[in-house]
């Protein structure tokens, strides 16, 4: 699918991945040096296994924080919505001295891509039921969608009668006549990539 993308979007995906990897490696080097030179003093131990365990935990937390798993799991896809799912999760929000329950609604899409694969994509996490209804009105079964890896957006591809198209990189809504986004300058995807 990435080979079908315009060159600027291919370059965006590569640069995004390289930035994450370089930042991860730089932070790993800093963590390694800090533990090497100051680990025994800070942690008050001479146990090498304990220091390696702390290093491994730090590297894993760093990978989670930088969302390195998205480099493997987040794929570019284009297809039609097969199903929209809303999950409700109870969150305990701590206020000053009191605990209160709050509901969060997660809107997920099951998308059948043009290459025959099925993708499961979470598109929003909302607290207000009115926002959930708006999101369900936005994403309907049978609608064409596009997702660019490395971005939080799963955009609706415009129908022939629509006058606007959303940018897959920054999410801005643009006039259908434009070929590039007014905000970020990337190519706008208006139809299935084939």
C-alpha atoms as a PDB file:
ATOM      1  CA  UNK A   1       0.000   0.000   0.000  1.00  0.00           C
ATOM      2  CA  UNK A   2       2.824   2.451   0.828  1.00  0.00           C
ATOM      3  CA  UNK A   3       4.163   2.146  -2.734  1.00  0.00           C
ATOM      4  CA  UNK A   4       0.855   3.525  -4.054  1.00  0.00           C
ATOM      5  CA  UNK A   5       1.119   6.662  -1.904  1.00  0.00           C
ATOM      6  CA  UNK A   6       2.281   9.995  -3.320  1.00  0.00           C
ATOM      7  CA  UNK A   7       6.010  10.612  -2.740  1.00  0.00           C
ATOM      8  CA  UNK A   8       5.490  13.267  -0.057  1.00  0.00           C
ATOM      9  CA  UNK A   9       3.378  10.885   2.051  1.00  0.00           C
ATOM     10  CA  UNK A  10       5.940   8.084   1.629  1.00  0.00           C
ATOM     11  CA  UNK A  11       8.622  10.517   2.796  1.00  0.00           C
ATOM     12  CA  UNK A  12       6.443  11.571   5.770  1.00  0.00           C
ATOM     13  CA  UNK A  13       6.101   7.934   6.913  1.00  0.00           C
ATOM     14  CA  UNK A  14       9.864   7.342   6.606  1.00  0.00           C
ATOM     15  CA  UNK A  15      10.788  10.555   8.457  1.00  0.00           C
ATOM     16  CA  UNK A  16       8.288   9.821  11.224  1.00  0.00           C
ATOM     17  CA  UNK A  17       9.742   6.323  11.734  1.00  0.00           C
ATOM     18  CA  UNK A  18      13.351   7.560  11.645  1.00  0.00           C
ATOM     19  CA  UNK A  19      12.581  10.294  14.210  1.00  0.00           C
ATOM     20  CA  UNK A  20      11.093   7.769  16.633  1.00  0.00           C
ATOM     21  CA  UNK A  21      13.995   5.338  16.240  1.00  0.00           C
ATOM     22  CA  UNK A  22      16.683   8.029  16.623  1.00  0.00           C
ATOM     23  CA  UNK A  23      14.967   9.476  19.710  1.00  0.00           C
ATOM     24  CA  UNK A  24      14.644   5.987  21.205  1.00  0.00           C
ATOM     25  CA  UNK A  25      18.319   5.204  20.579  1.00  0.00           C
ATOM     26  CA  UNK A  26      19.473   8.567  21.993  1.00  0.00           C
ATOM     27  CA  UNK A  27      17.388   8.122  25.152  1.00  0.00           C
ATOM     28  CA  UNK A  28      18.627   4.529  25.515  1.00  0.00           C
ATOM     29  CA  UNK A  29      22.252   5.741  25.341  1.00  0.00           C
ATOM     30  CA  UNK A  30      21.556   8.430  27.970  1.00  0.00           C
ATOM     31  CA  UNK A  31      19.859   5.874  30.250  1.00  0.00           C
ATOM     32  CA  UNK A  32      22.731   3.425  29.755  1.00  0.00           C
ATOM     33  CA  UNK A  33      25.368   6.037  30.583  1.00  0.00           C
ATOM     34  CA  UNK A  34      23.433   7.274  33.613  1.00  0.00           C
ATOM     35  CA  UNK A  35      23.149   3.744  35.007  1.00  0.00           C
ATOM     36  CA  UNK A  36      26.766   2.942  34.154  1.00  0.00           C
ATOM     37  CA  UNK A  37      28.235   5.960  35.916  1.00  0.00           C
ATOM     38  CA  UNK A  38      25.637   6.792  38.586  1.00  0.00           C
ATOM     39  CA  UNK A  39      23.506   3.634  38.930  1.00  0.00           C
ATOM     40  CA  UNK A  40      25.312   2.217  41.957  1.00  0.00           C
ATOM     41  CA  UNK A  41      25.156   5.566  43.753  1.00  0.00           C
ATOM     42  CA  UNK A  42      21.528   6.396  42.928  1.00  0.00           C
ATOM     43  CA  UNK A  43      20.126   2.901  43.514  1.00  0.00           C
ATOM     44  CA  UNK A  44      22.450   2.090  46.452  1.00  0.00           C
ATOM     45  CA  UNK A  45      23.368  -1.354  45.141  1.00  0.00           C
ATOM     46  CA  UNK A  46      26.294  -3.247  43.632  1.00  0.00           C
ATOM     47  CA  UNK A  47      24.006  -5.956  42.224  1.00  0.00           C
ATOM     48  CA  UNK A  48      24.662  -6.056  38.455  1.00  0.00           C
ATOM     49  CA  UNK A  49      21.550  -8.138  37.746  1.00  0.00           C
ATOM     50  CA  UNK A  50      19.403  -5.511  39.500  1.00  0.00           C
ATOM     51  CA  UNK A  51      21.013  -2.726  37.435  1.00  0.00           C
ATOM     52  CA  UNK A  52      20.397  -4.664  34.199  1.00  0.00           C
ATOM     53  CA  UNK A  53      16.775  -5.197  35.273  1.00  0.00           C
ATOM     54  CA  UNK A  54      16.333  -1.455  35.870  1.00  0.00           C
ATOM     55  CA  UNK A  55      17.918  -0.746  32.481  1.00  0.00           C
ATOM     56  CA  UNK A  56      15.603  -3.224  30.734  1.00  0.00           C
ATOM     57  CA  UNK A  57      12.550  -1.765  32.487  1.00  0.00           C
ATOM     58  CA  UNK A  58      13.631   1.746  31.478  1.00  0.00           C
ATOM     59  CA  UNK A  59      14.094   0.732  27.834  1.00  0.00           C
ATOM     60  CA  UNK A  60      10.667  -0.980  27.754  1.00  0.00           C
ATOM     61  CA  UNK A  61       8.939   2.040  29.303  1.00  0.00           C
ATOM     62  CA  UNK A  62      10.731   4.315  26.850  1.00  0.00           C
ATOM     63  CA  UNK A  63       9.549   2.175  23.912  1.00  0.00           C
ATOM     64  CA  UNK A  64       5.964   2.353  25.210  1.00  0.00           C
ATOM     65  CA  UNK A  65       6.169   6.112  25.787  1.00  0.00           C
ATOM     66  CA  UNK A  66       7.497   6.720  22.252  1.00  0.00           C
ATOM     67  CA  UNK A  67       4.905   4.268  20.856  1.00  0.00           C
ATOM     68  CA  UNK A  68       7.479   2.229  18.943  1.00  0.00           C
ATOM     69  CA  UNK A  69       4.898  -0.551  18.557  1.00  0.00           C
ATOM     70  CA  UNK A  70       3.085   1.679  16.036  1.00  0.00           C
ATOM     71  CA  UNK A  71       6.034   1.278  13.653  1.00  0.00           C
ATOM     72  CA  UNK A  72       5.069  -2.377  13.302  1.00  0.00           C
ATOM     73  CA  UNK A  73       1.351  -2.431  14.130  1.00  0.00           C
ATOM     74  CA  UNK A  74       0.075   0.782  12.527  1.00  0.00           C
ATOM     75  CA  UNK A  75      -0.387   0.187   8.801  1.00  0.00           C
ATOM     76  CA  UNK A  76      -1.575   2.413   5.979  1.00  0.00           C
ATOM     77  CA  UNK A  77      -4.896   1.150   4.670  1.00  0.00           C
ATOM     78  CA  UNK A  78      -7.758   2.147   2.423  1.00  0.00           C
ATOM     79  CA  UNK A  79     -11.149   0.441   2.427  1.00  0.00           C
ATOM     80  CA  UNK A  80     -14.795   0.494   3.429  1.00  0.00           C
ATOM     81  CA  UNK A  81     -16.229   0.425   6.934  1.00  0.00           C
ATOM     82  CA  UNK A  82     -17.662  -3.033   7.637  1.00  0.00           C
ATOM     83  CA  UNK A  83     -18.758  -2.279  11.198  1.00  0.00           C
ATOM     84  CA  UNK A  84     -18.689   0.498  13.793  1.00  0.00           C
ATOM     85  CA  UNK A  85     -18.299  -0.563  17.432  1.00  0.00           C
ATOM     86  CA  UNK A  86     -18.758   1.584  20.536  1.00  0.00           C
ATOM     87  CA  UNK A  87     -17.235   0.345  23.803  1.00  0.00           C
ATOM     88  CA  UNK A  88     -18.033   2.034  27.119  1.00  0.00           C
ATOM     89  CA  UNK A  89     -15.347   2.003  29.802  1.00  0.00           C
ATOM     90  CA  UNK A  90     -15.768   3.223  33.382  1.00  0.00           C
ATOM     91  CA  UNK A  91     -12.857   5.466  34.408  1.00  0.00           C
ATOM     92  CA  UNK A  92     -12.241   6.437  37.987  1.00  0.00           C
ATOM     93  CA  UNK A  93     -11.291  10.093  37.951  1.00  0.00           C
ATOM     94  CA  UNK A  94      -9.711  11.358  41.134  1.00  0.00           C
ATOM     95  CA  UNK A  95     -10.890  14.756  42.257  1.00  0.00           C
ATOM     96  CA  UNK A  96      -9.753  16.625  45.347  1.00  0.00           C
ATOM     97  CA  UNK A  97     -10.176  14.001  48.056  1.00  0.00           C
ATOM     98  CA  UNK A  98     -13.153  12.321  46.356  1.00  0.00           C
ATOM     99  CA  UNK A  99     -13.317   9.563  43.780  1.00  0.00           C
ATOM    100  CA  UNK A 100     -15.880   9.837  41.016  1.00  0.00           C
ATOM    101  CA  UNK A 101     -16.816   7.508  38.171  1.00  0.00           C
ATOM    102  CA  UNK A 102     -16.814   8.753  34.637  1.00  0.00           C
ATOM    103  CA  UNK A 103     -17.611   6.912  31.430  1.00  0.00           C
ATOM    104  CA  UNK A 104     -15.429   6.978  28.362  1.00  0.00           C
ATOM    105  CA  UNK A 105     -16.779   5.826  25.007  1.00  0.00           C
ATOM    106  CA  UNK A 106     -14.341   4.343  22.484  1.00  0.00           C
ATOM    107  CA  UNK A 107     -15.408   4.278  18.827  1.00  0.00           C
ATOM    108  CA  UNK A 108     -13.709   1.529  16.802  1.00  0.00           C
ATOM    109  CA  UNK A 109     -13.977   0.690  13.113  1.00  0.00           C
ATOM    110  CA  UNK A 110     -13.630  -2.635  11.369  1.00  0.00           C
ATOM    111  CA  UNK A 111     -12.467  -1.828   7.845  1.00  0.00           C
ATOM    112  CA  UNK A 112     -12.362  -4.167   4.864  1.00  0.00           C
ATOM    113  CA  UNK A 113      -9.458  -2.955   2.745  1.00  0.00           C
ATOM    114  CA  UNK A 114      -9.256  -3.053  -1.019  1.00  0.00           C
ATOM    115  CA  UNK A 115      -6.502  -5.693  -0.824  1.00  0.00           C
ATOM    116  CA  UNK A 116      -8.811  -8.107   1.050  1.00  0.00           C
ATOM    117  CA  UNK A 117      -7.428  -7.572   4.568  1.00  0.00           C
ATOM    118  CA  UNK A 118      -9.469  -6.526   7.606  1.00  0.00           C
ATOM    119  CA  UNK A 119      -8.238  -3.719   9.851  1.00  0.00           C
ATOM    120  CA  UNK A 120      -9.407  -2.840  13.358  1.00  0.00           C
ATOM    121  CA  UNK A 121      -8.894   0.870  14.105  1.00  0.00           C
ATOM    122  CA  UNK A 122      -9.829   2.933  17.149  1.00  0.00           C
ATOM    123  CA  UNK A 123     -10.872   6.354  15.859  1.00  0.00           C
ATOM    124  CA  UNK A 124     -11.934   8.274  18.967  1.00  0.00           C
ATOM    125  CA  UNK A 125     -12.187   8.212  22.727  1.00  0.00           C
ATOM    126  CA  UNK A 126     -15.037  10.442  23.886  1.00  0.00           C
ATOM    127  CA  UNK A 127     -16.638  11.302  27.201  1.00  0.00           C
ATOM    128  CA  UNK A 128     -19.858  12.926  26.000  1.00  0.00           C
ATOM    129  CA  UNK A 129     -22.669  10.775  24.562  1.00  0.00           C
ATOM    130  CA  UNK A 130     -23.574  13.568  22.123  1.00  0.00           C
ATOM    131  CA  UNK A 131     -20.024  13.400  20.718  1.00  0.00           C
ATOM    132  CA  UNK A 132     -20.428   9.627  20.326  1.00  0.00           C
ATOM    133  CA  UNK A 133     -23.630  10.137  18.330  1.00  0.00           C
ATOM    134  CA  UNK A 134     -21.818  12.679  16.112  1.00  0.00           C
ATOM    135  CA  UNK A 135     -18.955  10.240  15.609  1.00  0.00           C
ATOM    136  CA  UNK A 136     -21.395   7.447  14.681  1.00  0.00           C
ATOM    137  CA  UNK A 137     -23.115   9.813  12.250  1.00  0.00           C
ATOM    138  CA  UNK A 138     -19.709  10.593  10.757  1.00  0.00           C
ATOM    139  CA  UNK A 139     -18.535   6.973  10.353  1.00  0.00           C
ATOM    140  CA  UNK A 140     -21.244   4.835   8.717  1.00  0.00           C
ATOM    141  CA  UNK A 141     -21.013   1.282   7.442  1.00  0.00           C
ATOM    142  CA  UNK A 142     -20.097   1.256   3.756  1.00  0.00           C
ATOM    143  CA  UNK A 143     -18.222   4.592   3.850  1.00  0.00           C
ATOM    144  CA  UNK A 144     -14.773   4.719   2.249  1.00  0.00           C
ATOM    145  CA  UNK A 145     -11.928   5.528   4.668  1.00  0.00           C
ATOM    146  CA  UNK A 146      -8.162   6.022   4.519  1.00  0.00           C
ATOM    147  CA  UNK A 147      -5.567   5.790   7.304  1.00  0.00           C
ATOM    148  CA  UNK A 148      -1.926   6.845   6.968  1.00  0.00           C
ATOM    149  CA  UNK A 149       0.451   5.042   9.333  1.00  0.00           C
ATOM    150  CA  UNK A 150       2.047   7.274  11.938  1.00  0.00           C
ATOM    151  CA  UNK A 151      -0.976   9.587  12.190  1.00  0.00           C
ATOM    152  CA  UNK A 152      -3.967   9.560  14.547  1.00  0.00           C
ATOM    153  CA  UNK A 153      -6.474  10.199  11.754  1.00  0.00           C
ATOM    154  CA  UNK A 154      -8.713   7.798   9.853  1.00  0.00           C
ATOM    155  CA  UNK A 155     -10.314  10.064   7.272  1.00  0.00           C
ATOM    156  CA  UNK A 156     -13.480   9.621   5.261  1.00  0.00           C
ATOM    157  CA  UNK A 157     -12.859   9.701   1.530  1.00  0.00           C
ATOM    158  CA  UNK A 158     -15.201  12.256  -0.035  1.00  0.00           C
ATOM    159  CA  UNK A 159     -18.234  11.165  -2.052  1.00  0.00           C
ATOM    160  CA  UNK A 160     -18.843  12.828  -5.413  1.00  0.00           C
ATOM    161  CA  UNK A 161     -21.319  15.316  -3.923  1.00  0.00           C
ATOM    162  CA  UNK A 162     -19.015  16.463  -1.102  1.00  0.00           C
ATOM    163  CA  UNK A 163     -17.109  19.721  -1.259  1.00  0.00           C
ATOM    164  CA  UNK A 164     -14.504  19.043   1.432  1.00  0.00           C
ATOM    165  CA  UNK A 165     -11.709  16.553   2.048  1.00  0.00           C
ATOM    166  CA  UNK A 166      -9.770  15.928   5.256  1.00  0.00           C
ATOM    167  CA  UNK A 167      -5.961  15.801   5.308  1.00  0.00           C
ATOM    168  CA  UNK A 168      -4.635  12.375   6.343  1.00  0.00           C
ATOM    169  CA  UNK A 169      -1.535  13.929   7.971  1.00  0.00           C
ATOM    170  CA  UNK A 170      -2.831  16.871  10.050  1.00  0.00           C
ATOM    171  CA  UNK A 171      -6.613  16.316   9.986  1.00  0.00           C
ATOM    172  CA  UNK A 172      -7.488  19.750   8.569  1.00  0.00           C
ATOM    173  CA  UNK A 173     -10.584  20.026   6.380  1.00  0.00           C
ATOM    174  CA  UNK A 174      -9.755  21.415   2.908  1.00  0.00           C
ATOM    175  CA  UNK A 175     -11.748  22.397  -0.153  1.00  0.00           C
ATOM    176  CA  UNK A 176     -12.153  19.463  -2.562  1.00  0.00           C
ATOM    177  CA  UNK A 177     -10.601  21.527  -5.392  1.00  0.00           C
ATOM    178  CA  UNK A 178      -7.217  21.668  -3.630  1.00  0.00           C
ATOM    179  CA  UNK A 179      -4.653  18.964  -4.318  1.00  0.00           C
ATOM    180  CA  UNK A 180      -2.538  19.748  -1.240  1.00  0.00           C
ATOM    181  CA  UNK A 181      -3.418  20.644   2.351  1.00  0.00           C
ATOM    182  CA  UNK A 182      -3.545  24.355   3.169  1.00  0.00           C
ATOM    183  CA  UNK A 183      -2.011  23.735   6.615  1.00  0.00           C
ATOM    184  CA  UNK A 184       0.760  21.136   6.162  1.00  0.00           C
ATOM    185  CA  UNK A 185       1.200  21.061   2.365  1.00  0.00           C
ATOM    186  CA  UNK A 186       0.861  17.272   2.005  1.00  0.00           C
ATOM    187  CA  UNK A 187      -1.073  15.655  -0.845  1.00  0.00           C
ATOM    188  CA  UNK A 188      -4.787  15.137  -0.145  1.00  0.00           C
ATOM    189  CA  UNK A 189      -6.164  11.612  -0.634  1.00  0.00           C
ATOM    190  CA  UNK A 190      -9.573  11.860  -2.331  1.00  0.00           C
ATOM    191  CA  UNK A 191     -10.175   8.300  -3.570  1.00  0.00           C
ATOM    192  CA  UNK A 192      -9.051   4.690  -3.147  1.00  0.00           C
ATOM    193  CA  UNK A 193      -5.371   4.036  -3.835  1.00  0.00           C
ATOM    194  CA  UNK A 194      -5.107   1.468  -6.634  1.00  0.00           C
END
